[in-house]
Amino acid sequence: MTLNLRLTAALCVALSLCALLAVPGNLPGLGGDARLTLAVFVLATCAWIGTPIDDTYIALGAGLALTVTGVISSDTLFGTLGDSTVWLLICAFVLAAAVARTGLAGRAAAFLVGGARTVRQLVHLTTAALVVTAFAVPATSGRAALALPVFLALAKALADRRRLVVMLALLFPTVILLSAVATLIGAGAHLITVSVLWETAGERIGFTEWLLLGLPLAVTSSHLAAEAVLLTTTRRADRAGPVHITAEEIQRHTATPVSGPWTQAETRCALLLGTVVLLWCSEPLHRVPPAVVALIGAVVAASPALGTVGLKDALKTVPWSLLLFMAATMAMGVALADSGAARWLVSGLPAGVTPTVFLAVVIAVSTAAHLILQSRSARSSVLVPLVVAAAVGAGVNPVAAALASTAAAGFCHTLPASAKPVTLFAEIPGTPTYTPRDLLRLSAVLAPLTAALVLLFAVAVWPLLGVPVVR
């Protein structure tokens, strides 16, 4: 669909629905604030889908409209920027800048892939390394940028085996996207989900709880996806040959040292990162909030005596646009919940649906949503408030429903433009990479596989970890 057609269709749908909302009495049970909220919500969603306008600009406009019309207060709008999850993400990016400056990522990657002797070992060791980066670098686009030099070094070392290079080009973004669910800071969408659950259902999910629920899913889905990538992009003959990549070969194609004695900066940064992750994981023992731990780590990482990066340089890496987007969409979520618009919107859903069927529908919709809404954060902003409201009405645990929706939304591999990591690795000058046909072939296998896996975790694994299906 061309841009003009998408714009025209989105405008027609938005205006039609807003006109329907404007007529008094035609929608019983819908108050004035709820009507205004739904009108703003519809306009914002249609603008995200059908216009090239920046997502953050649309979200800020929606938050401003809800404030000017009195649906939410200015304190609510501006207070979202002071939310602890926003501070957690800011400090996590400062820590990530310190890690990137020292080159620890390249050294760790060389250590892992250097032990590979077969193609399958190379694939799964690379997958393990990418999963670990979810603890060091927030947001999938940041992890993709950090991993790109490592991929380029591997591509040079395997230049005579083109199919393996193409396979690795597809493996990197696939694992980065699916493993993001491992940690709370893995994607901005996770912070939106946590905020919506707290504002609408009174359920608080901390870093440790998310880690306990998300890490097993991330590890399982990433390694299953790695097998899917391997089998859909290579032949038996490609996988049969031995592989031996030395640190020296990787070093020839990267600027930072990947072998030899550690520098003082690398040692300090590794100790700091390990301490921060350990404190995050042990929050129930010491009761220090993850945002405070992250702030302490960021201050140390940027300190003149012990740090490895300047504070000004580190703050330049923070995606302020994403933070503003999150804050504005959090305010939209508050408006949907407090005005009753979310409850009204899902009140017409069929009653008597079993929890398993309900979760299956939520997962299916969330898996396919990337075809309409390319921004992962925008998908969570639209889907999670509705999923939580529908779950409460259906007697399903809203935490299980919201987590399932957010995890399923991690699949966004169908098109090169479906996610930033997919776009980044699809356009690498001078290096063989995948085509849209390769993505479609992988998606045909990966979409049902990841959706089924999320459903399995929601109904069988998460209840064992303290998140039952039924509230």
Protein backbone atom coordinates (compact mmCIF):
# COMPACT_ATOMS: atom_id res chain seq x y z
CA MET A 1 0.00 0.00 0.00
CA THR A 2 1.48 3.37 -1.00
CA LEU A 3 1.98 6.16 1.51
CA ASN A 4 -0.88 8.25 0.09
CA LEU A 5 -3.31 5.32 0.25
CA ARG A 6 -2.27 4.50 3.81
CA LEU A 7 -2.65 8.14 4.82
CA THR A 8 -6.08 8.43 3.19
CA ALA A 9 -7.32 5.18 4.71
CA ALA A 10 -6.07 6.08 8.19
CA LEU A 11 -7.63 9.54 7.98
CA CYS A 12 -10.99 8.16 6.85
CA VAL A 13 -11.10 5.57 9.63
CA ALA A 14 -10.06 8.09 12.27
CA LEU A 15 -12.58 10.73 11.22
CA SER A 16 -15.40 8.18 10.95
CA LEU A 17 -14.79 6.80 14.43
CA CYS A 18 -14.36 10.26 15.94
CA ALA A 19 -17.63 11.36 14.34
CA LEU A 20 -19.33 8.34 15.88
CA LEU A 21 -17.92 9.21 19.28
CA ALA A 22 -19.05 12.83 18.95
CA VAL A 23 -22.75 12.00 18.59
CA PRO A 24 -24.34 12.06 22.07
CA GLY A 25 -26.37 9.03 23.12
CA ASN A 26 -25.36 6.67 20.35
CA LEU A 27 -22.89 4.82 22.56
CA PRO A 28 -24.58 4.11 25.91
CA GLY A 29 -22.36 3.76 28.95
CA LEU A 30 -19.64 5.98 27.51
CA GLY A 31 -19.04 9.18 29.47
CA GLY A 32 -17.64 12.45 28.22
CA ASP A 33 -14.06 11.83 29.35
CA ALA A 34 -14.17 8.31 27.91
CA ARG A 35 -15.37 9.65 24.55
CA LEU A 36 -12.56 12.20 24.43
CA THR A 37 -10.02 9.57 25.41
CA LEU A 38 -11.20 7.14 22.74
CA ALA A 39 -11.18 9.88 20.10
CA VAL A 40 -7.58 10.81 20.94
CA PHE A 41 -6.59 7.13 21.16
CA VAL A 42 -8.11 6.37 17.73
CA LEU A 43 -6.49 9.40 16.11
CA ALA A 44 -3.08 8.55 17.58
CA THR A 45 -3.31 4.89 16.53
CA CYS A 46 -4.35 5.77 12.99
CA ALA A 47 -1.55 8.32 12.78
CA TRP A 48 0.99 5.72 13.94
CA ILE A 49 -0.26 3.28 11.33
CA GLY A 50 -0.91 5.48 8.33
CA THR A 51 1.36 8.54 8.46
CA PRO A 52 5.11 9.15 8.30
CA ILE A 53 4.90 11.54 11.27
CA ASP A 54 7.35 10.71 14.05
CA ASP A 55 5.82 8.36 16.66
CA THR A 56 7.01 10.51 19.54
CA TYR A 57 5.45 13.66 18.07
CA ILE A 58 2.11 11.86 17.76
CA ALA A 59 2.32 10.55 21.34
CA LEU A 60 3.17 13.99 22.73
CA GLY A 61 0.28 15.50 20.78
CA ALA A 62 -2.09 12.88 22.19
CA GLY A 63 -0.87 13.48 25.75
CA LEU A 64 -1.25 17.23 25.30
CA ALA A 65 -4.79 16.84 23.92
CA LEU A 66 -5.82 14.71 26.91
CA THR A 67 -4.36 17.31 29.29
CA VAL A 68 -5.93 20.36 27.59
CA THR A 69 -9.35 18.70 27.55
CA GLY A 70 -9.08 17.89 31.26
CA VAL A 71 -9.14 14.10 30.95
CA ILE A 72 -5.82 13.92 32.81
CA SER A 73 -4.02 16.56 34.85
CA SER A 74 -0.75 18.21 33.88
CA ASP A 75 0.81 16.54 36.92
CA THR A 76 -0.10 13.17 35.45
CA LEU A 77 1.38 14.05 32.06
CA PHE A 78 4.65 15.45 33.36
CA GLY A 79 4.88 13.05 36.28
CA THR A 80 5.38 10.11 33.92
CA LEU A 81 8.83 11.46 33.04
CA GLY A 82 9.79 11.03 36.69
CA ASP A 83 8.69 7.41 36.78
CA SER A 84 11.33 5.07 38.15
CA THR A 85 11.29 2.96 34.98
CA VAL A 86 12.30 6.00 32.92
CA TRP A 87 15.24 6.66 35.26
CA LEU A 88 16.16 2.98 35.06
CA LEU A 89 16.41 3.19 31.28
CA ILE A 90 18.44 6.44 31.33
CA CYS A 91 21.00 4.99 33.74
CA ALA A 92 21.11 1.70 31.85
CA PHE A 93 22.11 3.57 28.69
CA VAL A 94 24.91 5.33 30.59
CA LEU A 95 26.17 1.93 31.74
CA ALA A 96 25.90 0.62 28.18
CA ALA A 97 27.98 3.54 26.91
CA ALA A 98 30.70 2.61 29.41
CA VAL A 99 30.65 -1.01 28.22
CA ALA A 100 30.81 0.02 24.56
CA ARG A 101 33.72 2.40 25.22
CA THR A 102 35.88 -0.37 26.74
CA GLY A 103 35.20 -2.97 24.03
CA LEU A 104 34.13 -5.65 26.50
CA ALA A 105 31.47 -6.88 24.10
CA GLY A 106 33.99 -7.76 21.40
CA ARG A 107 36.25 -9.55 23.87
CA ALA A 108 33.34 -11.62 25.22
CA ALA A 109 32.17 -12.48 21.70
CA ALA A 110 35.66 -13.58 20.64
CA PHE A 111 35.92 -15.76 23.74
CA LEU A 112 32.62 -17.51 23.02
CA VAL A 113 32.77 -18.03 19.26
CA GLY A 114 36.45 -18.99 19.46
CA GLY A 115 35.32 -22.27 21.02
CA ALA A 116 33.13 -23.25 18.07
CA ARG A 117 34.25 -26.18 15.95
CA THR A 118 31.07 -26.78 13.95
CA VAL A 119 28.51 -24.51 12.32
CA ARG A 120 25.85 -25.49 14.86
CA GLN A 121 28.19 -24.72 17.74
CA LEU A 122 28.97 -21.34 16.21
CA VAL A 123 25.26 -20.57 15.90
CA HIS A 124 24.38 -21.48 19.48
CA LEU A 125 27.45 -19.86 21.04
CA THR A 126 26.64 -16.66 19.13
CA THR A 127 23.05 -16.94 20.36
CA ALA A 128 24.21 -17.30 23.96
CA ALA A 129 26.44 -14.25 23.60
CA LEU A 130 23.58 -12.17 22.19
CA VAL A 131 21.23 -13.23 25.01
CA VAL A 132 23.78 -12.05 27.58
CA THR A 133 23.90 -8.59 25.98
CA ALA A 134 20.32 -8.05 27.14
CA PHE A 135 21.77 -7.42 30.61
CA ALA A 136 24.32 -4.87 29.42
CA VAL A 137 22.61 -2.85 26.71
CA PRO A 138 19.00 -1.60 26.90
CA ALA A 139 16.75 -1.54 23.84
CA THR A 140 17.09 -3.78 20.80
CA SER A 141 18.43 -1.07 18.50
CA GLY A 142 21.33 -0.40 20.92
CA ARG A 143 22.20 -4.08 21.08
CA ALA A 144 22.08 -4.34 17.29
CA ALA A 145 24.49 -1.43 16.93
CA LEU A 146 26.85 -2.99 19.48
CA ALA A 147 26.71 -6.41 17.79
CA LEU A 148 27.22 -5.16 14.23
CA PRO A 149 31.05 -4.89 14.42
CA VAL A 150 31.20 -8.44 15.81
CA PHE A 151 29.10 -9.71 12.91
CA LEU A 152 31.28 -7.89 10.39
CA ALA A 153 34.38 -9.51 11.89
CA LEU A 154 32.75 -12.96 11.66
CA ALA A 155 31.64 -12.23 8.09
CA LYS A 156 35.21 -11.39 7.07
CA ALA A 157 36.52 -14.56 8.71
CA LEU A 158 33.89 -16.63 6.83
CA ALA A 159 34.06 -14.69 3.55
CA ASP A 160 34.56 -17.88 1.52
CA ARG A 161 31.30 -19.42 2.87
CA ARG A 162 28.62 -17.03 1.69
CA ARG A 163 25.60 -18.95 2.95
CA LEU A 164 26.98 -18.97 6.48
CA VAL A 165 27.45 -15.20 6.35
CA VAL A 166 23.84 -14.74 5.22
CA MET A 167 22.70 -17.08 7.98
CA LEU A 168 24.61 -15.09 10.62
CA ALA A 169 23.22 -11.82 9.25
CA LEU A 170 19.73 -13.19 9.89
CA LEU A 171 20.65 -14.81 13.20
CA PHE A 172 21.84 -11.60 14.88
CA PRO A 173 18.62 -9.52 14.61
CA THR A 174 16.43 -12.58 15.19
CA VAL A 175 18.03 -13.40 18.53
CA ILE A 176 18.33 -9.75 19.56
CA LEU A 177 14.58 -9.26 19.13
CA LEU A 178 13.46 -12.50 20.78
CA SER A 179 15.90 -12.34 23.70
CA ALA A 180 14.85 -8.82 24.68
CA VAL A 181 12.15 -10.31 26.90
CA ALA A 182 14.90 -11.59 29.22
CA THR A 183 15.14 -8.32 31.16
CA LEU A 184 12.98 -5.36 32.06
CA ILE A 185 15.35 -3.01 30.20
CA GLY A 186 15.39 -5.19 27.09
CA ALA A 187 12.87 -2.97 25.28
CA GLY A 188 10.98 0.23 25.94
CA ALA A 189 7.76 -1.73 25.44
CA HIS A 190 8.49 -3.63 28.66
CA LEU A 191 8.54 -0.43 30.69
CA ILE A 192 5.24 0.63 29.12
CA THR A 193 3.74 -2.74 30.08
CA VAL A 194 4.95 -2.43 33.67
CA SER A 195 3.52 1.09 33.92
CA VAL A 196 0.13 0.07 32.49
CA LEU A 197 -0.12 -2.88 34.89
CA TRP A 198 0.62 -0.64 37.86
CA GLU A 199 -1.75 2.15 36.82
CA THR A 200 -4.68 -0.04 35.76
CA ALA A 201 -4.40 -3.25 37.79
CA GLY A 202 -2.28 -2.23 40.76
CA GLU A 203 0.26 -4.96 39.92
CA ARG A 204 3.95 -4.10 40.27
CA ILE A 205 6.57 -6.12 38.37
CA GLY A 206 10.16 -5.43 39.37
CA PHE A 207 13.42 -6.27 37.64
CA THR A 208 13.79 -9.58 39.50
CA GLU A 209 10.24 -10.74 38.79
CA TRP A 210 10.60 -9.91 35.09
CA LEU A 211 13.95 -11.71 34.98
CA LEU A 212 12.47 -14.83 36.58
CA LEU A 213 9.62 -14.93 34.06
CA GLY A 214 11.37 -13.63 30.95
CA LEU A 215 14.84 -15.17 30.99
CA PRO A 216 13.73 -18.82 30.54
CA LEU A 217 11.48 -17.77 27.66
CA ALA A 218 14.25 -15.69 26.10
CA VAL A 219 16.79 -18.50 26.25
CA THR A 220 14.38 -21.12 24.91
CA SER A 221 12.94 -19.00 22.10
CA SER A 222 16.38 -17.70 21.06
CA HIS A 223 17.93 -21.14 20.67
CA LEU A 224 14.85 -22.53 18.90
CA ALA A 225 14.94 -19.54 16.57
CA ALA A 226 18.65 -20.14 15.99
CA GLU A 227 17.84 -23.66 14.78
CA ALA A 228 15.09 -22.25 12.56
CA VAL A 229 17.48 -19.72 11.03
CA LEU A 230 20.12 -22.40 10.49
CA LEU A 231 17.74 -24.83 8.80
CA THR A 232 15.95 -22.28 6.59
CA THR A 233 19.03 -20.48 5.25
CA THR A 234 21.68 -23.20 4.88
CA ARG A 235 21.98 -26.63 3.27
CA ARG A 236 23.38 -29.82 4.71
CA ALA A 237 26.66 -29.25 2.86
CA ASP A 238 26.99 -25.77 4.35
CA ARG A 239 26.59 -27.15 7.86
CA ALA A 240 28.94 -30.08 7.34
CA GLY A 241 32.23 -28.20 7.08
CA PRO A 242 34.29 -27.44 10.20
CA VAL A 243 34.55 -23.97 11.67
CA HIS A 244 37.50 -22.49 13.52
CA ILE A 245 37.54 -18.75 14.15
CA THR A 246 40.44 -17.48 16.21
CA ALA A 247 40.64 -14.29 18.24
CA GLU A 248 43.40 -13.12 15.90
CA GLU A 249 41.05 -13.35 12.90
CA ILE A 250 38.39 -11.31 14.70
CA GLN A 251 41.01 -8.81 15.87
CA ARG A 252 42.02 -8.07 12.26
CA HIS A 253 38.54 -6.69 11.62
CA THR A 254 37.80 -4.77 14.82
CA ALA A 255 39.46 -1.77 16.46
CA THR A 256 39.11 -2.79 20.11
CA PRO A 257 41.31 -5.54 21.59
CA VAL A 258 39.59 -8.96 21.83
CA SER A 259 42.49 -10.95 23.31
CA GLY A 260 45.47 -10.50 25.58
CA PRO A 261 45.61 -9.00 29.09
CA TRP A 262 42.67 -6.96 30.26
CA THR A 263 43.14 -3.22 30.65
CA GLN A 264 42.29 -1.49 33.92
CA ALA A 265 39.29 0.16 32.28
CA GLU A 266 37.93 -3.20 31.11
CA THR A 267 38.42 -4.75 34.54
CA ARG A 268 36.68 -1.86 36.32
CA CYS A 269 33.80 -1.85 33.85
CA ALA A 270 33.31 -5.62 34.07
CA LEU A 271 33.28 -5.50 37.88
CA LEU A 272 30.84 -2.59 37.86
CA LEU A 273 28.48 -4.23 35.38
CA GLY A 274 28.60 -7.53 37.27
CA THR A 275 27.85 -5.78 40.56
CA VAL A 276 24.91 -3.85 39.09
CA VAL A 277 23.37 -6.98 37.52
CA LEU A 278 23.89 -8.91 40.77
CA LEU A 279 22.16 -6.17 42.77
CA TRP A 280 19.31 -6.07 40.26
CA CYS A 281 18.81 -9.82 40.55
CA SER A 282 18.98 -9.78 44.37
CA GLU A 283 16.49 -6.94 44.88
CA PRO A 284 14.23 -9.03 47.20
CA LEU A 285 17.17 -9.40 49.62
CA HIS A 286 18.39 -5.82 49.92
CA ARG A 287 15.22 -3.95 48.85
CA VAL A 288 17.10 -1.27 46.92
CA PRO A 289 15.00 -0.33 43.86
CA PRO A 290 16.56 -1.21 40.46
CA ALA A 291 16.45 2.44 39.38
CA VAL A 292 18.54 3.47 42.40
CA VAL A 293 21.03 0.66 41.71
CA ALA A 294 21.25 1.78 38.09
CA LEU A 295 21.79 5.40 39.14
CA ILE A 296 24.63 4.39 41.46
CA GLY A 297 26.18 2.37 38.64
CA ALA A 298 25.82 5.23 36.16
CA VAL A 299 27.45 7.71 38.57
CA VAL A 300 30.40 5.35 39.08
CA ALA A 301 30.66 4.57 35.33
CA ALA A 302 30.92 8.28 34.51
CA SER A 303 33.06 9.32 37.49
CA PRO A 304 36.43 10.96 36.74
CA ALA A 305 38.38 8.51 38.93
CA LEU A 306 36.71 5.15 38.30
CA GLY A 307 34.62 5.67 35.18
CA THR A 308 35.34 4.75 31.59
CA VAL A 309 33.12 7.30 29.84
CA GLY A 310 32.33 10.99 30.31
CA LEU A 311 28.84 11.82 31.50
CA LYS A 312 28.17 14.17 28.58
CA ASP A 313 29.24 11.53 26.07
CA ALA A 314 27.16 8.87 27.82
CA LEU A 315 24.04 11.03 27.91
CA LYS A 316 24.34 11.56 24.15
CA THR A 317 23.60 7.84 23.70
CA VAL A 318 20.31 8.04 25.62
CA PRO A 319 17.32 7.86 23.21
CA TRP A 320 15.47 10.86 24.61
CA SER A 321 12.84 10.54 21.90
CA LEU A 322 12.01 7.05 23.16
CA LEU A 323 11.76 8.29 26.75
CA LEU A 324 9.36 11.07 25.76
CA PHE A 325 7.34 8.55 23.76
CA MET A 326 7.13 6.25 26.78
CA ALA A 327 6.10 9.08 29.09
CA ALA A 328 3.35 10.28 26.74
CA THR A 329 1.98 6.78 26.14
CA MET A 330 2.00 6.10 29.88
CA ALA A 331 -0.26 9.14 30.25
CA MET A 332 -2.52 7.74 27.51
CA GLY A 333 -2.71 4.47 29.42
CA VAL A 334 -3.74 6.32 32.59
CA ALA A 335 -6.48 8.14 30.63
CA LEU A 336 -7.80 4.91 29.11
CA ALA A 337 -8.04 3.29 32.55
CA ASP A 338 -9.33 6.19 34.65
CA SER A 339 -11.94 7.37 32.14
CA GLY A 340 -13.42 3.89 31.72
CA ALA A 341 -12.69 3.92 27.98
CA ALA A 342 -10.65 0.71 28.08
CA ARG A 343 -13.37 -1.17 29.98
CA TRP A 344 -16.04 0.05 27.58
CA LEU A 345 -13.93 -0.85 24.55
CA VAL A 346 -13.61 -4.50 25.59
CA SER A 347 -17.07 -4.85 27.15
CA GLY A 348 -18.53 -6.31 23.97
CA LEU A 349 -16.11 -9.23 23.80
CA PRO A 350 -17.68 -12.71 24.03
CA ALA A 351 -18.12 -13.98 27.57
CA GLY A 352 -17.38 -17.50 28.75
CA VAL A 353 -14.11 -17.86 26.83
CA THR A 354 -11.63 -20.15 28.58
CA PRO A 355 -8.39 -18.56 29.82
CA THR A 356 -6.32 -20.61 27.39
CA VAL A 357 -8.39 -19.49 24.40
CA PHE A 358 -8.25 -15.89 25.64
CA LEU A 359 -4.46 -15.99 25.89
CA ALA A 360 -4.18 -17.69 22.50
CA VAL A 361 -6.15 -14.87 20.87
CA VAL A 362 -4.07 -12.21 22.66
CA ILE A 363 -0.84 -13.87 21.54
CA ALA A 364 -2.02 -14.28 17.95
CA VAL A 365 -3.05 -10.61 17.69
CA SER A 366 0.18 -9.41 19.33
CA THR A 367 2.30 -11.59 17.03
CA ALA A 368 0.65 -10.19 13.90
CA ALA A 369 0.47 -6.57 15.13
CA HIS A 370 3.90 -5.69 13.73
CA LEU A 371 2.42 -5.85 10.22
CA ILE A 372 0.31 -2.78 11.10
CA LEU A 373 2.26 -1.00 13.86
CA GLN A 374 5.99 -1.17 13.21
CA SER A 375 7.02 0.47 16.47
CA ARG A 376 7.23 -2.10 19.28
CA SER A 377 6.54 0.56 21.89
CA ALA A 378 3.52 1.79 19.95
CA ARG A 379 2.17 -1.76 19.78
CA SER A 380 2.38 -2.12 23.55
CA SER A 381 0.85 1.33 24.03
CA VAL A 382 -2.17 0.28 21.98
CA LEU A 383 -2.54 -3.36 22.94
CA VAL A 384 -1.57 -3.68 26.60
CA PRO A 385 -4.22 -1.31 28.09
CA LEU A 386 -6.91 -3.16 26.12
CA VAL A 387 -5.49 -6.59 26.98
CA VAL A 388 -5.39 -5.75 30.70
CA ALA A 389 -8.97 -4.44 30.67
CA ALA A 390 -10.20 -7.47 28.72
CA ALA A 391 -8.33 -9.86 31.03
CA VAL A 392 -9.98 -8.39 34.12
CA GLY A 393 -13.39 -8.82 32.49
CA ALA A 394 -12.64 -12.39 31.42
CA GLY A 395 -11.32 -13.47 34.81
CA VAL A 396 -7.77 -13.91 33.48
CA ASN A 397 -4.76 -12.74 35.45
CA PRO A 398 -3.88 -9.36 33.85
CA VAL A 399 -0.17 -9.91 34.57
CA ALA A 400 -0.14 -13.15 32.57
CA ALA A 401 -2.10 -11.55 29.72
CA ALA A 402 0.09 -8.43 29.57
CA LEU A 403 3.32 -10.43 29.69
CA ALA A 404 2.07 -12.81 26.99
CA SER A 405 1.12 -9.89 24.74
CA THR A 406 4.46 -8.14 25.26
CA ALA A 407 6.48 -11.31 24.72
CA ALA A 408 4.56 -12.20 21.55
CA ALA A 409 5.12 -8.69 20.20
CA GLY A 410 8.83 -9.47 20.20
CA PHE A 411 8.29 -11.31 16.94
CA CYS A 412 8.68 -8.72 14.17
CA HIS A 413 10.72 -10.42 11.47
CA THR A 414 8.39 -10.54 8.48
CA LEU A 415 9.64 -7.49 6.58
CA PRO A 416 12.95 -5.58 6.52
CA ALA A 417 11.14 -2.54 7.91
CA SER A 418 9.40 -4.45 10.71
CA ALA A 419 12.09 -3.62 13.29
CA LYS A 420 15.25 -1.51 13.47
CA PRO A 421 17.62 -4.46 14.04
CA VAL A 422 16.16 -6.25 10.99
CA THR A 423 16.62 -3.10 8.90
CA LEU A 424 20.18 -2.57 10.15
CA PHE A 425 21.40 -6.04 9.24
CA ALA A 426 19.54 -6.06 5.92
CA GLU A 427 21.55 -3.15 4.55
CA ILE A 428 25.28 -3.76 4.99
CA PRO A 429 27.39 -2.51 2.07
CA GLY A 430 29.96 -5.00 0.85
CA THR A 431 28.67 -7.89 2.98
CA PRO A 432 26.25 -10.65 1.88
CA THR A 433 23.00 -10.45 3.78
CA TYR A 434 19.44 -11.71 3.65
CA THR A 435 16.65 -10.80 1.25
CA PRO A 436 12.93 -10.18 1.93
CA ARG A 437 12.32 -13.72 0.66
CA ASP A 438 14.65 -15.10 3.35
CA LEU A 439 12.68 -13.20 5.99
CA LEU A 440 9.35 -14.54 4.72
CA ARG A 441 10.69 -18.11 4.70
CA LEU A 442 11.91 -17.74 8.28
CA SER A 443 8.73 -16.02 9.44
CA ALA A 444 6.56 -18.85 8.13
CA VAL A 445 8.33 -21.13 10.62
CA LEU A 446 9.16 -18.72 13.41
CA ALA A 447 5.80 -16.96 13.85
CA PRO A 448 3.77 -20.07 14.84
CA LEU A 449 6.75 -21.46 16.76
CA THR A 450 7.21 -18.39 18.98
CA ALA A 451 3.46 -17.90 19.45
CA ALA A 452 3.06 -21.51 20.60
CA LEU A 453 6.04 -21.17 22.91
CA VAL A 454 4.67 -18.02 24.56
CA LEU A 455 1.31 -19.74 25.06
CA LEU A 456 3.06 -22.76 26.60
CA PHE A 457 4.93 -20.53 29.04
CA ALA A 458 1.78 -18.56 29.91
CA VAL A 459 -0.32 -21.62 30.76
CA ALA A 460 2.28 -24.10 32.01
CA VAL A 461 5.54 -22.44 33.09
CA TRP A 462 4.64 -19.02 34.50
CA PRO A 463 2.03 -20.48 36.93
CA LEU A 464 4.89 -22.50 38.47
CA LEU A 465 6.82 -19.23 38.89
CA GLY A 466 4.01 -17.38 40.67
CA VAL A 467 1.90 -15.98 37.81
CA PRO A 468 -1.28 -18.09 37.54
CA VAL A 469 -3.50 -17.92 34.47
CA VAL A 470 -6.61 -17.17 36.53
CA ARG A 471 -6.50 -14.30 38.99
